[in-house]
Protein backbone atom coordinates (compact mmCIF):
# COMPACT_ATOMS: atom_id res chain seq x y z
CA UNK A 1 40.11 166.55 127.25
CA UNK A 2 37.85 166.07 124.38
CA UNK A 3 34.81 163.53 124.82
CA UNK A 4 35.94 161.44 121.71
CA UNK A 5 39.45 161.35 123.09
CA UNK A 6 38.12 160.27 126.47
CA UNK A 7 35.99 157.38 125.27
CA UNK A 8 38.84 156.07 122.92
CA UNK A 9 41.27 156.26 125.79
CA UNK A 10 38.68 154.14 127.90
CA UNK A 11 38.44 151.61 125.06
CA UNK A 12 42.19 151.27 124.88
CA UNK A 13 42.59 150.82 128.58
CA UNK A 14 39.79 148.28 128.65
CA UNK A 15 41.76 146.19 126.28
CA UNK A 16 44.97 146.68 127.97
CA UNK A 17 43.11 145.67 131.40
CA UNK A 18 41.95 142.55 129.48
CA UNK A 19 45.30 141.56 128.12
CA UNK A 20 47.13 142.09 131.46
CA UNK A 21 44.77 139.78 133.29
CA UNK A 22 45.20 137.34 130.67
CA UNK A 23 48.95 137.72 131.26
CA UNK A 24 48.71 137.35 134.95
CA UNK A 25 46.85 134.02 134.60
CA UNK A 26 49.20 132.64 132.29
CA UNK A 27 52.41 133.93 133.54
CA UNK A 28 51.42 133.08 137.24
CA UNK A 29 49.99 129.77 136.32
CA UNK A 30 53.05 128.82 134.45
CA UNK A 31 55.46 130.02 137.23
CA UNK A 32 53.47 127.92 139.98
CA UNK A 33 53.46 124.72 137.67
CA UNK A 34 57.31 125.11 137.06
CA UNK A 35 57.72 124.74 141.01
CA UNK A 36 56.13 121.30 140.81
CA UNK A 37 58.76 118.76 140.57
CA UNK A 38 62.25 117.95 141.79
CA UNK A 39 64.61 120.83 143.23
CA UNK A 40 66.44 122.64 140.76
CA UNK A 41 68.05 125.85 140.88
CA UNK A 42 67.34 126.70 137.22
CA UNK A 43 63.67 125.83 137.75
CA UNK A 44 63.44 128.13 140.86
CA UNK A 45 64.90 130.90 138.91
CA UNK A 46 62.72 130.64 136.22
CA UNK A 47 59.70 130.56 138.82
CA UNK A 48 61.16 133.48 140.47
CA UNK A 49 61.45 135.49 137.33
CA UNK A 50 57.83 134.83 136.39
CA UNK A 51 56.58 135.61 139.78
CA UNK A 52 58.37 138.93 139.50
CA UNK A 53 56.69 139.44 135.97
CA UNK A 54 53.38 138.64 137.60
CA UNK A 55 53.90 141.12 140.28
CA UNK A 56 54.81 143.80 137.70
CA UNK A 57 51.88 143.12 135.61
CA UNK A 58 49.53 143.26 138.75
CA UNK A 59 51.01 146.76 139.28
CA UNK A 60 49.94 147.60 135.71
CA UNK A 61 46.66 146.41 136.31
CA UNK A 62 46.32 148.46 139.34
CA UNK A 63 47.50 151.67 137.65
CA UNK A 64 45.17 151.01 134.55
CA UNK A 65 42.14 150.58 136.68
CA UNK A 66 42.74 153.68 138.38
CA UNK A 67 43.18 155.48 135.34
CA UNK A 68 40.08 153.98 133.83
CA UNK A 69 38.08 155.23 136.83
CA UNK A 70 39.70 158.64 136.60
CA UNK A 71 38.71 159.01 132.88
CA UNK A 72 35.11 157.75 133.65
CA UNK A 73 34.57 160.16 136.32
CA UNK A 74 35.89 163.00 134.09
CA UNK A 75 33.61 161.76 131.41
CA UNK A 76 30.61 161.75 133.57
CA UNK A 77 31.28 165.19 135.07
CA UNK A 78 31.43 166.45 131.52
CA UNK A 79 34.90 167.95 132.01
CA UNK A 80 36.44 168.98 128.83
CA UNK A 81 39.95 170.66 128.98
């Protein structure tokens, strides 16, 4: 890969990483706050959906973090394909 491509890809992945963290905090916090209150099946369904989305976003974060480290190592080695 070309050096310019790698640097731009790293910038994009960094922004995606930030967005995913904000989404995890927002969706996770909202899901937890929905659970506060009297028992209601619909409330627990929404909270469960939110927690599933939070798990998905955490998976995206993990994958993005690994890809960022991979690209950074490639950039440091000077590997250009």
